[in-house]
Amino acid sequence: MKATSCGPTNVERDLRPVEGDEADEELATLAKALGHPARVQIVRLLVRRTSCVCGDIVDELPLAQSTVSQHLKVLKEAGLIKGEVDGPRVCYCIEPRALRRLKVLVAGL
């Protein structure tokens, strides 16, 4: 498995509200992105890694490459993960700020 750095993580404090229409919409979008067990597994896998995971995600899940790619696309569009081009492959890692935001929004329920 080739691993590269995902770059520095943004640790500045998030002062956005956890209630209200915008927060509710944001939570619904993030929850929808996690609305499939395979996407939850992908997020858990990426959280455990301190570096990017390239195509090896497919090796970790009992799913076809095309299915994993579709799940990665959903997570990336929601902002939960990021993908960086690493030669001919894309290297994925968790977006820490989005994960922290999700935790805060869920805690605010």
Protein backbone atom coordinates (compact mmCIF):
# COMPACT_ATOMS: atom_id res chain seq x y z
CA MET A 1 0.00 0.00 0.00
CA LYS A 2 1.44 3.34 -0.99
CA ALA A 3 0.68 6.05 1.53
CA THR A 4 1.22 9.76 1.20
CA SER A 5 0.45 12.63 3.47
CA CYS A 6 -2.91 14.32 3.21
CA GLY A 7 -1.40 17.61 4.23
CA PRO A 8 -1.89 19.64 7.38
CA THR A 9 -5.14 19.43 9.25
CA ASN A 10 -7.07 22.57 10.03
CA VAL A 11 -7.54 22.72 13.80
CA GLU A 12 -9.01 26.19 14.13
CA ARG A 13 -12.18 26.35 16.15
CA ASP A 14 -15.48 26.02 14.28
CA LEU A 15 -17.88 28.69 15.53
CA ARG A 16 -20.81 27.83 13.27
CA PRO A 17 -24.12 27.23 15.07
CA VAL A 18 -25.26 23.66 15.74
CA GLU A 19 -28.95 24.50 15.52
CA GLY A 20 -31.07 26.24 12.94
CA ASP A 21 -31.94 25.67 9.31
CA GLU A 22 -28.37 25.72 7.97
CA ALA A 23 -27.07 23.37 10.66
CA ASP A 24 -30.02 21.03 10.10
CA GLU A 25 -29.37 20.97 6.36
CA GLU A 26 -25.67 20.32 6.93
CA LEU A 27 -26.37 17.46 9.35
CA ALA A 28 -28.88 15.92 6.93
CA THR A 29 -26.33 16.08 4.09
CA LEU A 30 -23.60 14.45 6.17
CA ALA A 31 -25.99 11.82 7.55
CA LYS A 32 -27.19 10.99 4.05
CA ALA A 33 -23.59 10.52 2.93
CA LEU A 34 -23.13 8.03 5.76
CA GLY A 35 -26.45 6.36 5.00
CA HIS A 36 -24.89 3.18 3.64
CA PRO A 37 -22.89 0.64 5.67
CA ALA A 38 -20.11 0.55 3.07
CA ARG A 39 -19.61 4.30 3.39
CA VAL A 40 -19.47 4.00 7.18
CA GLN A 41 -16.82 1.28 6.75
CA ILE A 42 -14.82 3.51 4.40
CA VAL A 43 -14.92 6.42 6.86
CA ARG A 44 -13.85 4.14 9.72
CA LEU A 45 -10.99 2.80 7.61
CA LEU A 46 -9.79 6.29 6.72
CA VAL A 47 -10.11 7.54 10.32
CA ARG A 48 -7.76 4.78 11.47
CA ARG A 49 -5.09 5.80 8.96
CA THR A 50 -2.74 8.73 9.43
CA SER A 51 -1.90 8.84 5.75
CA CYS A 52 -3.77 8.56 2.50
CA VAL A 53 -5.13 5.27 1.31
CA CYS A 54 -4.94 4.67 -2.40
CA GLY A 55 -6.73 1.87 -4.24
CA ASP A 56 -6.34 -0.46 -1.28
CA ILE A 57 -9.80 0.50 -0.02
CA VAL A 58 -11.16 -2.05 -2.48
CA ASP A 59 -9.04 -4.75 -0.82
CA GLU A 60 -10.63 -3.93 2.55
CA LEU A 61 -14.25 -4.22 1.42
CA PRO A 62 -16.15 -7.09 -0.22
CA LEU A 63 -17.26 -4.79 -3.04
CA ALA A 64 -16.35 -4.24 -6.68
CA GLN A 65 -14.02 -1.38 -7.62
CA SER A 66 -16.85 0.50 -9.33
CA THR A 67 -19.06 0.25 -6.24
CA VAL A 68 -16.29 1.49 -3.94
CA SER A 69 -15.62 4.35 -6.36
CA GLN A 70 -19.26 5.39 -6.22
CA HIS A 71 -19.26 5.36 -2.41
CA LEU A 72 -16.04 7.40 -2.37
CA LYS A 73 -17.65 9.92 -4.71
CA VAL A 74 -20.63 10.35 -2.35
CA LEU A 75 -18.36 10.84 0.66
CA LYS A 76 -16.16 13.29 -1.23
CA GLU A 77 -19.14 15.34 -2.46
CA ALA A 78 -20.37 15.61 1.14
CA GLY A 79 -16.92 16.83 2.18
CA LEU A 80 -16.20 13.96 4.58
CA ILE A 81 -13.16 12.79 2.66
CA LYS A 82 -10.72 14.32 0.23
CA GLY A 83 -8.89 12.78 -2.66
CA GLU A 84 -5.52 13.80 -4.01
CA VAL A 85 -4.05 12.69 -7.31
CA ASP A 86 -1.09 10.39 -6.72
CA GLY A 87 0.23 9.54 -10.16
CA PRO A 88 -2.37 7.42 -11.96
CA ARG A 89 -4.34 6.84 -8.75
CA VAL A 90 -6.32 8.94 -6.32
CA CYS A 91 -5.26 8.90 -2.69
CA TYR A 92 -8.09 9.30 -0.14
CA CYS A 93 -8.09 10.47 3.44
CA ILE A 94 -10.57 11.76 5.98
CA GLU A 95 -11.38 15.47 6.08
CA PRO A 96 -10.83 16.08 9.82
CA ARG A 97 -12.73 19.36 9.98
CA ALA A 98 -15.83 17.77 8.43
CA LEU A 99 -15.65 14.81 10.80
CA ARG A 100 -15.37 17.15 13.80
CA ARG A 101 -18.34 19.13 12.48
CA LEU A 102 -20.41 15.96 12.10
CA LYS A 103 -19.66 14.98 15.69
CA VAL A 104 -20.66 18.43 16.97
CA LEU A 105 -23.89 18.43 14.95
CA VAL A 106 -24.87 14.97 16.20
CA ALA A 107 -24.04 15.95 19.78
CA GLY A 108 -26.35 18.96 19.37
CA LEU A 109 -29.40 16.76 18.74
